[in-house]
Amino acid sequence: MRILKTLVLALALLAPAAVAEAHPHIWIRATATLQFEDGKIVGIRHEWVFDDFFSNALITDFDKNKDKQFDAAEVKELEANAFVALKEFGYFTHVRVGGKPVTIETVRDFAPAIKGGAVVYRFTAVLPQPVDPRATPFDAGIYDHSYYVDVEVNPQLGVKLAGGGSEACKFAVVEDKEAPLYFGATFARRIEIRCGQN
């Protein structure tokens, strides 16, 4: 029974293609920190806060000793059963460099926690190659195409720039008319980064 519950949990989080255009069943309040090194964007540090219902399901399945935190063994099991398969969906991270999609395949520093009764995922999505936003337009959206998972990034508070060279850059959060959700009832948002002459 526990294995079945875990599979259901993982499938729910993955928002499978079979439920395309479904209304949301999971809600995430997200923060995206664009990480710079030497003036180039190298990754996006995510913080996802899950809704109460899904948080309770994760806690029930993975906080085995019921101490309201994830120890190392629990983190390992949670990662294996309710996180790593998100790679198939690019970790809901839709990056474009020079207007062309770039697939996110690598993440690091996965650190789940329980905070105020909610499950929080923290991890970094690593770009395949560093991007100089002064030379090439860069934008990113954090969303689930199927809209099974509703990822909300607050345009003012949910986006940050950090690291060497980020101080010369600004961001804007705009609607992406090329990414309709829920039969066009709403649209995904994209974070546009512009630096210096770009």
N, C-alpha and C. Protein backbone atom coordinates (compact mmCIF):
# COMPACT_ATOMS: atom_id res chain seq x y z
N MET A 1 0.83 -1.21 0.00
CA MET A 1 0.00 0.00 0.00
C MET A 1 0.87 1.27 0.00
N ARG A 2 1.96 1.26 0.80
CA ARG A 2 2.80 2.43 0.84
C ARG A 2 3.45 2.70 -0.51
N ILE A 3 3.87 1.61 -1.19
CA ILE A 3 4.48 1.76 -2.52
C ILE A 3 3.47 2.35 -3.49
N LEU A 4 2.22 1.90 -3.42
CA LEU A 4 1.18 2.43 -4.29
C LEU A 4 0.97 3.92 -4.02
N LYS A 5 0.93 4.28 -2.73
CA LYS A 5 0.75 5.70 -2.38
C LYS A 5 1.90 6.54 -2.91
N THR A 6 3.12 6.00 -2.81
CA THR A 6 4.28 6.72 -3.30
C THR A 6 4.21 6.93 -4.80
N LEU A 7 3.78 5.90 -5.53
CA LEU A 7 3.65 6.02 -6.97
C LEU A 7 2.60 7.06 -7.34
N VAL A 8 1.48 7.04 -6.65
CA VAL A 8 0.43 8.02 -6.90
C VAL A 8 0.96 9.42 -6.62
N LEU A 9 1.69 9.56 -5.53
CA LEU A 9 2.25 10.85 -5.16
C LEU A 9 3.21 11.37 -6.23
N ALA A 10 4.10 10.48 -6.68
CA ALA A 10 5.06 10.87 -7.70
C ALA A 10 4.37 11.24 -9.01
N LEU A 11 3.39 10.44 -9.41
CA LEU A 11 2.67 10.71 -10.65
C LEU A 11 1.93 12.03 -10.56
N ALA A 12 1.37 12.32 -9.40
CA ALA A 12 0.67 13.59 -9.24
C ALA A 12 1.62 14.76 -9.42
N LEU A 13 2.80 14.66 -8.81
CA LEU A 13 3.76 15.75 -8.91
C LEU A 13 4.29 15.92 -10.32
N LEU A 14 4.35 14.83 -11.06
CA LEU A 14 4.91 14.90 -12.40
C LEU A 14 3.96 15.49 -13.42
N ALA A 15 2.69 15.64 -13.08
CA ALA A 15 1.74 16.22 -14.02
C ALA A 15 1.83 15.56 -15.38
N PRO A 16 1.49 14.28 -15.51
CA PRO A 16 1.72 13.54 -16.75
C PRO A 16 0.96 14.12 -17.93
N ALA A 17 1.48 13.81 -19.11
CA ALA A 17 0.89 14.36 -20.32
C ALA A 17 -0.57 13.95 -20.49
N ALA A 18 -0.95 12.83 -19.91
CA ALA A 18 -2.32 12.36 -20.04
C ALA A 18 -3.33 13.31 -19.43
N VAL A 19 -2.86 14.17 -18.51
CA VAL A 19 -3.77 15.12 -17.90
C VAL A 19 -3.54 16.52 -18.45
N ALA A 20 -3.12 16.58 -19.69
CA ALA A 20 -2.87 17.87 -20.31
C ALA A 20 -4.11 18.76 -20.21
N GLU A 21 -3.84 20.04 -19.94
CA GLU A 21 -4.88 21.05 -19.82
C GLU A 21 -5.84 20.81 -18.65
N ALA A 22 -5.43 20.01 -17.68
CA ALA A 22 -6.26 19.81 -16.48
C ALA A 22 -6.17 21.05 -15.61
N HIS A 23 -7.21 21.24 -14.78
CA HIS A 23 -7.12 22.35 -13.83
C HIS A 23 -6.16 21.94 -12.71
N PRO A 24 -5.62 22.91 -11.96
CA PRO A 24 -4.58 22.57 -10.98
C PRO A 24 -5.08 21.65 -9.87
N HIS A 25 -4.21 20.72 -9.48
CA HIS A 25 -4.43 19.86 -8.32
C HIS A 25 -3.36 20.08 -7.26
N ILE A 26 -2.27 20.72 -7.65
CA ILE A 26 -1.18 21.03 -6.74
C ILE A 26 -0.81 22.49 -6.95
N TRP A 27 -0.54 23.18 -5.84
CA TRP A 27 -0.20 24.60 -5.91
C TRP A 27 1.17 24.83 -5.29
N ILE A 28 1.97 25.63 -5.97
CA ILE A 28 3.32 25.95 -5.50
C ILE A 28 3.50 27.47 -5.51
N ARG A 29 3.94 28.00 -4.39
CA ARG A 29 4.41 29.39 -4.34
C ARG A 29 5.92 29.34 -4.50
N ALA A 30 6.42 29.98 -5.55
CA ALA A 30 7.82 29.79 -5.93
C ALA A 30 8.61 31.09 -5.88
N THR A 31 9.88 30.94 -5.58
CA THR A 31 10.86 32.01 -5.71
C THR A 31 11.95 31.52 -6.65
N ALA A 32 12.34 32.37 -7.58
CA ALA A 32 13.39 32.03 -8.54
C ALA A 32 14.52 33.06 -8.42
N THR A 33 15.70 32.58 -8.07
CA THR A 33 16.86 33.46 -7.96
C THR A 33 17.81 33.15 -9.11
N LEU A 34 17.97 34.10 -10.02
CA LEU A 34 18.89 33.94 -11.14
C LEU A 34 20.31 34.10 -10.61
N GLN A 35 21.12 33.06 -10.77
CA GLN A 35 22.46 33.05 -10.21
C GLN A 35 23.50 33.41 -11.27
N PHE A 36 24.32 34.41 -10.93
CA PHE A 36 25.36 34.90 -11.84
C PHE A 36 26.74 34.53 -11.31
N GLU A 37 27.65 34.31 -12.25
CA GLU A 37 29.07 34.19 -11.94
C GLU A 37 29.84 34.93 -13.03
N ASP A 38 30.63 35.91 -12.62
CA ASP A 38 31.43 36.71 -13.57
C ASP A 38 30.56 37.29 -14.67
N GLY A 39 29.37 37.76 -14.30
CA GLY A 39 28.50 38.42 -15.26
C GLY A 39 27.66 37.51 -16.12
N LYS A 40 27.80 36.20 -15.93
CA LYS A 40 27.03 35.25 -16.73
C LYS A 40 26.04 34.49 -15.84
N ILE A 41 24.88 34.18 -16.42
CA ILE A 41 23.88 33.40 -15.70
C ILE A 41 24.26 31.93 -15.78
N VAL A 42 24.35 31.28 -14.62
CA VAL A 42 24.78 29.88 -14.59
C VAL A 42 23.69 28.93 -14.11
N GLY A 43 22.64 29.49 -13.49
CA GLY A 43 21.58 28.63 -12.99
C GLY A 43 20.46 29.42 -12.35
N ILE A 44 19.45 28.69 -11.93
CA ILE A 44 18.31 29.30 -11.24
C ILE A 44 18.10 28.54 -9.93
N ARG A 45 18.19 29.26 -8.83
CA ARG A 45 17.95 28.67 -7.52
C ARG A 45 16.46 28.76 -7.22
N HIS A 46 15.84 27.59 -7.04
CA HIS A 46 14.40 27.52 -6.81
C HIS A 46 14.08 27.33 -5.34
N GLU A 47 12.98 27.92 -4.93
CA GLU A 47 12.35 27.60 -3.66
C GLU A 47 10.87 27.41 -3.93
N TRP A 48 10.35 26.21 -3.69
CA TRP A 48 8.95 25.89 -3.94
C TRP A 48 8.28 25.57 -2.61
N VAL A 49 7.21 26.28 -2.30
CA VAL A 49 6.42 26.00 -1.10
C VAL A 49 5.11 25.37 -1.56
N PHE A 50 4.86 24.12 -1.15
CA PHE A 50 3.68 23.39 -1.59
C PHE A 50 2.45 23.72 -0.74
N ASP A 51 1.29 23.53 -1.36
CA ASP A 51 0.03 23.75 -0.66
C ASP A 51 -0.13 22.77 0.50
N ASP A 52 -1.07 23.06 1.39
CA ASP A 52 -1.23 22.27 2.61
C ASP A 52 -1.55 20.80 2.32
N PHE A 53 -2.43 20.55 1.37
CA PHE A 53 -2.86 19.18 1.10
C PHE A 53 -1.70 18.33 0.60
N PHE A 54 -0.98 18.86 -0.40
CA PHE A 54 0.13 18.08 -0.94
C PHE A 54 1.28 17.98 0.06
N SER A 55 1.50 19.05 0.82
CA SER A 55 2.52 18.99 1.87
C SER A 55 2.21 17.88 2.86
N ASN A 56 0.96 17.79 3.28
CA ASN A 56 0.57 16.74 4.24
C ASN A 56 0.82 15.35 3.67
N ALA A 57 0.56 15.18 2.37
CA ALA A 57 0.79 13.88 1.73
C ALA A 57 2.28 13.55 1.72
N LEU A 58 3.12 14.52 1.39
CA LEU A 58 4.56 14.29 1.39
C LEU A 58 5.07 13.98 2.80
N ILE A 59 4.60 14.73 3.78
CA ILE A 59 5.03 14.51 5.16
C ILE A 59 4.60 13.13 5.64
N THR A 60 3.38 12.74 5.33
CA THR A 60 2.89 11.43 5.74
C THR A 60 3.73 10.31 5.16
N ASP A 61 4.12 10.44 3.90
CA ASP A 61 4.87 9.37 3.24
C ASP A 61 6.36 9.36 3.56
N PHE A 62 6.94 10.53 3.83
CA PHE A 62 8.40 10.58 3.90
C PHE A 62 8.98 11.00 5.25
N ASP A 63 8.21 11.62 6.12
CA ASP A 63 8.70 11.92 7.46
C ASP A 63 8.41 10.71 8.34
N LYS A 64 9.24 9.70 8.20
CA LYS A 64 8.96 8.40 8.81
C LYS A 64 8.92 8.44 10.34
N ASN A 65 9.81 9.22 10.95
CA ASN A 65 9.85 9.25 12.41
C ASN A 65 8.97 10.35 13.01
N LYS A 66 8.23 11.06 12.14
CA LYS A 66 7.23 12.04 12.57
C LYS A 66 7.83 13.14 13.45
N ASP A 67 9.06 13.55 13.13
CA ASP A 67 9.67 14.61 13.93
C ASP A 67 9.58 15.98 13.26
N LYS A 68 8.79 16.07 12.19
CA LYS A 68 8.51 17.32 11.49
C LYS A 68 9.77 17.90 10.83
N GLN A 69 10.65 17.01 10.41
CA GLN A 69 11.78 17.41 9.58
C GLN A 69 12.24 16.19 8.79
N PHE A 70 12.97 16.44 7.71
CA PHE A 70 13.48 15.34 6.89
C PHE A 70 14.94 15.11 7.24
N ASP A 71 15.24 13.91 7.75
CA ASP A 71 16.64 13.58 7.99
C ASP A 71 17.27 13.10 6.68
N ALA A 72 18.56 12.75 6.73
CA ALA A 72 19.28 12.43 5.49
C ALA A 72 18.66 11.26 4.75
N ALA A 73 18.25 10.22 5.48
CA ALA A 73 17.65 9.05 4.83
C ALA A 73 16.30 9.40 4.22
N GLU A 74 15.53 10.23 4.90
CA GLU A 74 14.21 10.63 4.39
C GLU A 74 14.35 11.52 3.17
N VAL A 75 15.35 12.40 3.17
CA VAL A 75 15.61 13.23 2.00
C VAL A 75 15.95 12.37 0.80
N LYS A 76 16.78 11.37 1.01
CA LYS A 76 17.18 10.49 -0.09
C LYS A 76 15.98 9.78 -0.69
N GLU A 77 15.08 9.28 0.17
CA GLU A 77 13.90 8.58 -0.33
C GLU A 77 12.93 9.53 -1.02
N LEU A 78 12.74 10.71 -0.45
CA LEU A 78 11.85 11.69 -1.07
C LEU A 78 12.38 12.09 -2.44
N GLU A 79 13.69 12.33 -2.52
CA GLU A 79 14.29 12.73 -3.79
C GLU A 79 14.09 11.65 -4.85
N ALA A 80 14.28 10.40 -4.47
CA ALA A 80 14.18 9.30 -5.42
C ALA A 80 12.75 9.07 -5.89
N ASN A 81 11.77 9.34 -5.01
CA ASN A 81 10.38 8.98 -5.31
C ASN A 81 9.48 10.15 -5.69
N ALA A 82 9.88 11.36 -5.38
CA ALA A 82 8.97 12.49 -5.65
C ALA A 82 9.71 13.73 -6.14
N PHE A 83 10.90 13.53 -6.74
CA PHE A 83 11.61 14.69 -7.29
C PHE A 83 12.36 14.38 -8.58
N VAL A 84 13.21 13.34 -8.59
CA VAL A 84 14.13 13.16 -9.72
C VAL A 84 13.42 12.97 -11.05
N ALA A 85 12.23 12.39 -11.04
CA ALA A 85 11.52 12.17 -12.31
C ALA A 85 11.03 13.47 -12.93
N LEU A 86 11.10 14.57 -12.18
CA LEU A 86 10.76 15.87 -12.76
C LEU A 86 11.72 16.28 -13.87
N LYS A 87 12.84 15.57 -13.97
CA LYS A 87 13.77 15.85 -15.06
C LYS A 87 13.09 15.75 -16.42
N GLU A 88 12.15 14.81 -16.54
CA GLU A 88 11.43 14.64 -17.80
C GLU A 88 10.68 15.89 -18.19
N PHE A 89 10.35 16.72 -17.22
CA PHE A 89 9.59 17.94 -17.46
C PHE A 89 10.45 19.19 -17.28
N GLY A 90 11.78 18.99 -17.29
CA GLY A 90 12.67 20.12 -17.16
C GLY A 90 12.56 20.84 -15.85
N TYR A 91 12.04 20.14 -14.82
CA TYR A 91 11.85 20.73 -13.49
C TYR A 91 10.99 22.00 -13.56
N PHE A 92 10.02 21.99 -14.50
CA PHE A 92 9.10 23.11 -14.70
C PHE A 92 9.85 24.42 -14.98
N THR A 93 11.08 24.31 -15.47
CA THR A 93 11.92 25.48 -15.72
C THR A 93 12.12 25.62 -17.22
N HIS A 94 11.51 26.64 -17.80
CA HIS A 94 11.50 26.82 -19.26
C HIS A 94 12.40 28.00 -19.63
N VAL A 95 13.60 27.68 -20.07
CA VAL A 95 14.61 28.70 -20.37
C VAL A 95 14.71 28.91 -21.87
N ARG A 96 14.86 30.18 -22.26
CA ARG A 96 15.16 30.51 -23.65
C ARG A 96 16.40 31.38 -23.69
N VAL A 97 17.30 31.05 -24.60
CA VAL A 97 18.51 31.82 -24.82
C VAL A 97 18.51 32.27 -26.27
N GLY A 98 18.50 33.57 -26.48
CA GLY A 98 18.39 34.08 -27.84
C GLY A 98 17.10 33.66 -28.51
N GLY A 99 16.06 33.47 -27.72
CA GLY A 99 14.75 33.08 -28.24
C GLY A 99 14.59 31.59 -28.48
N LYS A 100 15.63 30.79 -28.24
CA LYS A 100 15.57 29.36 -28.49
C LYS A 100 15.51 28.59 -27.17
N PRO A 101 14.64 27.56 -27.08
CA PRO A 101 14.52 26.79 -25.84
C PRO A 101 15.81 26.06 -25.48
N VAL A 102 16.10 26.05 -24.21
CA VAL A 102 17.25 25.33 -23.67
C VAL A 102 16.72 24.37 -22.61
N THR A 103 17.05 23.10 -22.73
CA THR A 103 16.54 22.09 -21.82
C THR A 103 17.38 22.02 -20.54
N ILE A 104 16.70 22.04 -19.40
CA ILE A 104 17.37 21.86 -18.12
C ILE A 104 17.42 20.37 -17.80
N GLU A 105 18.61 19.83 -17.68
CA GLU A 105 18.77 18.41 -17.40
C GLU A 105 19.48 18.13 -16.08
N THR A 106 20.12 19.15 -15.54
CA THR A 106 20.91 18.95 -14.33
C THR A 106 20.44 19.87 -13.21
N VAL A 107 20.30 19.29 -12.01
CA VAL A 107 20.02 20.09 -10.81
C VAL A 107 21.02 19.68 -9.74
N ARG A 108 21.19 20.56 -8.76
CA ARG A 108 22.07 20.25 -7.63
C ARG A 108 21.49 20.87 -6.36
N ASP A 109 22.06 20.44 -5.26
CA ASP A 109 21.72 21.01 -3.94
C ASP A 109 20.25 20.87 -3.58
N PHE A 110 19.65 19.71 -3.90
CA PHE A 110 18.26 19.48 -3.52
C PHE A 110 18.18 19.41 -2.00
N ALA A 111 17.33 20.25 -1.41
CA ALA A 111 17.23 20.33 0.05
C ALA A 111 15.77 20.55 0.45
N PRO A 112 15.01 19.49 0.63
CA PRO A 112 13.62 19.64 1.08
C PRO A 112 13.56 19.90 2.58
N ALA A 113 12.52 20.59 3.01
CA ALA A 113 12.36 20.89 4.43
C ALA A 113 10.88 21.02 4.74
N ILE A 114 10.58 20.99 6.02
CA ILE A 114 9.21 21.25 6.49
C ILE A 114 9.26 22.56 7.27
N LYS A 115 8.49 23.54 6.82
CA LYS A 115 8.52 24.86 7.43
C LYS A 115 7.09 25.35 7.64
N GLY A 116 6.72 25.54 8.88
CA GLY A 116 5.36 26.00 9.18
C GLY A 116 4.29 25.05 8.69
N GLY A 117 4.61 23.76 8.68
CA GLY A 117 3.65 22.76 8.23
C GLY A 117 3.64 22.53 6.73
N ALA A 118 4.39 23.33 5.98
CA ALA A 118 4.45 23.18 4.52
C ALA A 118 5.77 22.56 4.11
N VAL A 119 5.73 21.76 3.05
CA VAL A 119 6.96 21.20 2.49
C VAL A 119 7.57 22.21 1.52
N VAL A 120 8.86 22.42 1.67
CA VAL A 120 9.59 23.37 0.83
C VAL A 120 10.69 22.61 0.09
N TYR A 121 10.72 22.75 -1.22
CA TYR A 121 11.83 22.22 -2.02
C TYR A 121 12.77 23.38 -2.33
N ARG A 122 14.05 23.17 -2.11
CA ARG A 122 15.07 24.12 -2.56
C ARG A 122 16.07 23.34 -3.41
N PHE A 123 16.37 23.88 -4.59
CA PHE A 123 17.33 23.23 -5.48
C PHE A 123 17.76 24.22 -6.55
N THR A 124 18.85 23.91 -7.22
CA THR A 124 19.35 24.77 -8.29
C THR A 124 19.28 24.05 -9.62
N ALA A 125 18.62 24.69 -10.60
CA ALA A 125 18.61 24.20 -11.97
C ALA A 125 19.82 24.79 -12.68
N VAL A 126 20.67 23.93 -13.20
CA VAL A 126 21.94 24.36 -13.78
C VAL A 126 21.79 24.51 -15.29
N LEU A 127 22.22 25.64 -15.82
CA LEU A 127 22.20 25.83 -17.28
C LEU A 127 23.27 24.96 -17.93
N PRO A 128 22.99 24.43 -19.12
CA PRO A 128 24.00 23.61 -19.82
C PRO A 128 25.30 24.38 -20.05
N GLN A 129 25.17 25.68 -20.33
CA GLN A 129 26.34 26.55 -20.50
C GLN A 129 26.02 27.91 -19.90
N PRO A 130 26.99 28.60 -19.31
CA PRO A 130 26.75 29.95 -18.82
C PRO A 130 26.30 30.87 -19.96
N VAL A 131 25.43 31.81 -19.62
CA VAL A 131 24.87 32.72 -20.62
C VAL A 131 25.21 34.16 -20.24
N ASP A 132 25.79 34.89 -21.19
CA ASP A 132 26.07 36.31 -20.98
C ASP A 132 24.85 37.10 -21.45
N PRO A 133 24.03 37.61 -20.54
CA PRO A 133 22.80 38.30 -20.95
C PRO A 133 23.05 39.66 -21.58
N ARG A 134 24.28 40.15 -21.52
CA ARG A 134 24.60 41.39 -22.24
C ARG A 134 24.71 41.14 -23.73
N ALA A 135 25.07 39.91 -24.08
CA ALA A 135 25.27 39.57 -25.49
C ALA A 135 24.09 38.83 -26.09
N THR A 136 23.33 38.11 -25.25
CA THR A 136 22.25 37.26 -25.75
C THR A 136 21.02 37.41 -24.87
N PRO A 137 19.85 37.69 -25.45
CA PRO A 137 18.63 37.77 -24.64
C PRO A 137 18.37 36.48 -23.88
N PHE A 138 17.98 36.61 -22.62
CA PHE A 138 17.70 35.46 -21.75
C PHE A 138 16.36 35.65 -21.08
N ASP A 139 15.54 34.61 -21.09
CA ASP A 139 14.31 34.64 -20.30
C ASP A 139 13.98 33.24 -19.80
N ALA A 140 13.18 33.18 -18.75
CA ALA A 140 12.84 31.90 -18.13
C ALA A 140 11.43 31.95 -17.56
N GLY A 141 10.71 30.85 -17.71
CA GLY A 141 9.40 30.71 -17.10
C GLY A 141 9.41 29.53 -16.16
N ILE A 142 8.68 29.64 -15.05
CA ILE A 142 8.57 28.55 -14.08
C ILE A 142 7.10 28.13 -14.05
N TYR A 143 6.77 27.09 -14.80
CA TYR A 143 5.37 26.69 -14.89
C TYR A 143 5.25 25.26 -15.42
N ASP A 144 4.05 24.69 -15.24
CA ASP A 144 3.72 23.36 -15.75
C ASP A 144 2.80 23.54 -16.95
N HIS A 145 3.24 23.06 -18.11
CA HIS A 145 2.45 23.20 -19.34
C HIS A 145 1.03 22.66 -19.17
N SER A 146 0.91 21.53 -18.46
CA SER A 146 -0.39 20.86 -18.36
C SER A 146 -1.34 21.59 -17.42
N TYR A 147 -0.79 22.46 -16.58
CA TYR A 147 -1.55 23.21 -15.56
C TYR A 147 -2.14 22.29 -14.49
N TYR A 148 -1.59 21.07 -14.40
CA TYR A 148 -1.95 20.20 -13.29
C TYR A 148 -1.34 20.77 -12.01
N VAL A 149 -0.15 21.36 -12.16
CA VAL A 149 0.51 22.05 -11.06
C VAL A 149 0.51 23.54 -11.36
N ASP A 150 -0.01 24.33 -10.45
CA ASP A 150 -0.04 25.78 -10.61
C ASP A 150 1.15 26.36 -9.85
N VAL A 151 2.12 26.88 -10.59
CA VAL A 151 3.31 27.47 -9.99
C VAL A 151 3.17 28.99 -10.02
N GLU A 152 3.10 29.61 -8.86
CA GLU A 152 2.93 31.05 -8.78
C GLU A 152 4.24 31.71 -8.36
N VAL A 153 4.75 32.57 -9.22
CA VAL A 153 5.94 33.35 -8.91
C VAL A 153 5.51 34.81 -8.79
N ASN A 154 5.59 35.37 -7.60
CA ASN A 154 5.21 36.77 -7.40
C ASN A 154 6.13 37.67 -8.21
N PRO A 155 5.59 38.52 -9.10
CA PRO A 155 6.43 39.31 -10.00
C PRO A 155 7.39 40.25 -9.27
N GLN A 156 6.99 40.75 -8.08
CA GLN A 156 7.85 41.67 -7.35
C GLN A 156 8.74 40.97 -6.33
N LEU A 157 8.16 40.00 -5.61
CA LEU A 157 8.88 39.38 -4.49
C LEU A 157 9.48 38.03 -4.82
N GLY A 158 9.02 37.41 -5.90
CA GLY A 158 9.42 36.05 -6.19
C GLY A 158 10.60 35.90 -7.13
N VAL A 159 11.18 37.02 -7.58
CA VAL A 159 12.31 36.97 -8.50
C VAL A 159 13.47 37.75 -7.90
N LYS A 160 14.65 37.15 -7.94
CA LYS A 160 15.85 37.80 -7.42
C LYS A 160 17.01 37.56 -8.37
N LEU A 161 17.97 38.46 -8.32
CA LEU A 161 19.22 38.30 -9.06
C LEU A 161 20.35 38.28 -8.03
N ALA A 162 21.29 37.35 -8.17
CA ALA A 162 22.35 37.23 -7.19
C ALA A 162 23.64 36.78 -7.85
N GLY A 163 24.76 37.19 -7.26
CA GLY A 163 26.06 36.77 -7.76
C GLY A 163 26.80 37.85 -8.52
N GLY A 164 28.04 37.57 -8.86
CA GLY A 164 28.89 38.54 -9.53
C GLY A 164 28.39 38.97 -10.89
N GLY A 165 28.17 40.27 -11.04
CA GLY A 165 27.68 40.81 -12.30
C GLY A 165 26.18 41.04 -12.34
N SER A 166 25.45 40.51 -11.35
CA SER A 166 23.99 40.65 -11.36
C SER A 166 23.55 42.08 -11.10
N GLU A 167 24.40 42.86 -10.42
CA GLU A 167 24.02 44.23 -10.06
C GLU A 167 23.86 45.12 -11.29
N ALA A 168 24.40 44.71 -12.43
CA ALA A 168 24.28 45.50 -13.66
C ALA A 168 23.05 45.12 -14.47
N CYS A 169 22.23 44.21 -13.92
CA CYS A 169 21.10 43.67 -14.68
C CYS A 169 19.77 43.99 -14.00
N LYS A 170 18.72 43.94 -14.79
CA LYS A 170 17.37 44.14 -14.30
C LYS A 170 16.49 43.01 -14.86
N PHE A 171 15.32 42.84 -14.24
CA PHE A 171 14.39 41.84 -14.75
C PHE A 171 13.00 42.44 -14.89
N ALA A 172 12.21 41.83 -15.75
CA ALA A 172 10.79 42.16 -15.89
C ALA A 172 10.03 40.85 -16.00
N VAL A 173 8.86 40.79 -15.38
CA VAL A 173 8.02 39.60 -15.46
C VAL A 173 6.84 39.93 -16.38
N VAL A 174 6.70 39.17 -17.47
CA VAL A 174 5.70 39.47 -18.48
C VAL A 174 4.89 38.22 -18.80
N GLU A 175 3.69 38.42 -19.31
CA GLU A 175 2.88 37.30 -19.79
C GLU A 175 3.47 36.76 -21.08
N ASP A 176 3.49 35.43 -21.18
CA ASP A 176 3.99 34.78 -22.39
C ASP A 176 2.79 34.33 -23.22
N LYS A 177 2.46 35.10 -24.22
CA LYS A 177 1.29 34.78 -25.05
C LYS A 177 1.50 33.51 -25.87
N GLU A 178 2.73 33.02 -25.92
CA GLU A 178 3.01 31.77 -26.63
C GLU A 178 2.86 30.55 -25.72
N ALA A 179 2.52 30.79 -24.45
CA ALA A 179 2.37 29.69 -23.50
C ALA A 179 1.03 29.77 -22.79
N PRO A 180 -0.07 29.50 -23.52
CA PRO A 180 -1.39 29.53 -22.89
C PRO A 180 -1.58 28.34 -21.95
N LEU A 181 -2.29 28.56 -20.86
CA LEU A 181 -2.59 27.51 -19.89
C LEU A 181 -4.10 27.40 -19.73
N TYR A 182 -4.55 26.19 -19.49
CA TYR A 182 -5.98 25.93 -19.23
C TYR A 182 -6.86 26.49 -20.34
N PHE A 183 -6.60 26.02 -21.56
CA PHE A 183 -7.37 26.41 -22.74
C PHE A 183 -7.30 27.91 -23.02
N GLY A 184 -6.20 28.54 -22.63
CA GLY A 184 -6.03 29.96 -22.89
C GLY A 184 -6.69 30.85 -21.86
N ALA A 185 -7.19 30.27 -20.77
CA ALA A 185 -7.81 31.09 -19.72
C ALA A 185 -6.78 31.97 -19.02
N THR A 186 -5.54 31.52 -19.03
CA THR A 186 -4.46 32.30 -18.44
C THR A 186 -3.18 31.99 -19.22
N PHE A 187 -2.15 32.72 -18.91
CA PHE A 187 -0.89 32.53 -19.62
C PHE A 187 0.26 32.40 -18.61
N ALA A 188 1.26 31.63 -19.01
CA ALA A 188 2.46 31.54 -18.19
C ALA A 188 3.17 32.89 -18.18
N ARG A 189 3.96 33.11 -17.15
CA ARG A 189 4.76 34.32 -17.06
C ARG A 189 6.23 33.98 -17.29
N ARG A 190 6.93 34.95 -17.86
CA ARG A 190 8.35 34.75 -18.12
C ARG A 190 9.14 35.87 -17.46
N ILE A 191 10.32 35.50 -17.00
CA ILE A 191 11.25 36.46 -16.41
C ILE A 191 12.25 36.85 -17.49
N GLU A 192 12.23 38.12 -17.88
CA GLU A 192 13.16 38.60 -18.90
C GLU A 192 14.31 39.32 -18.21
N ILE A 193 15.53 38.96 -18.60
CA ILE A 193 16.73 39.57 -18.03
C ILE A 193 17.40 40.44 -19.09
N ARG A 194 17.67 41.67 -18.70
CA ARG A 194 18.36 42.58 -19.62
C ARG A 194 19.51 43.25 -18.86
N CYS A 195 20.66 43.28 -19.48
CA CYS A 195 21.86 43.81 -18.83
C CYS A 195 22.61 44.72 -19.79
N GLY A 196 23.05 45.85 -19.32
CA GLY A 196 23.90 46.72 -20.10
C GLY A 196 23.30 47.08 -21.45
N GLN A 197 24.04 46.74 -22.52
CA GLN A 197 23.63 47.16 -23.86
C GLN A 197 22.48 46.32 -24.40
N ASN A 198 22.20 45.14 -23.79
CA ASN A 198 21.14 44.27 -24.31
C ASN A 198 19.77 44.86 -23.95
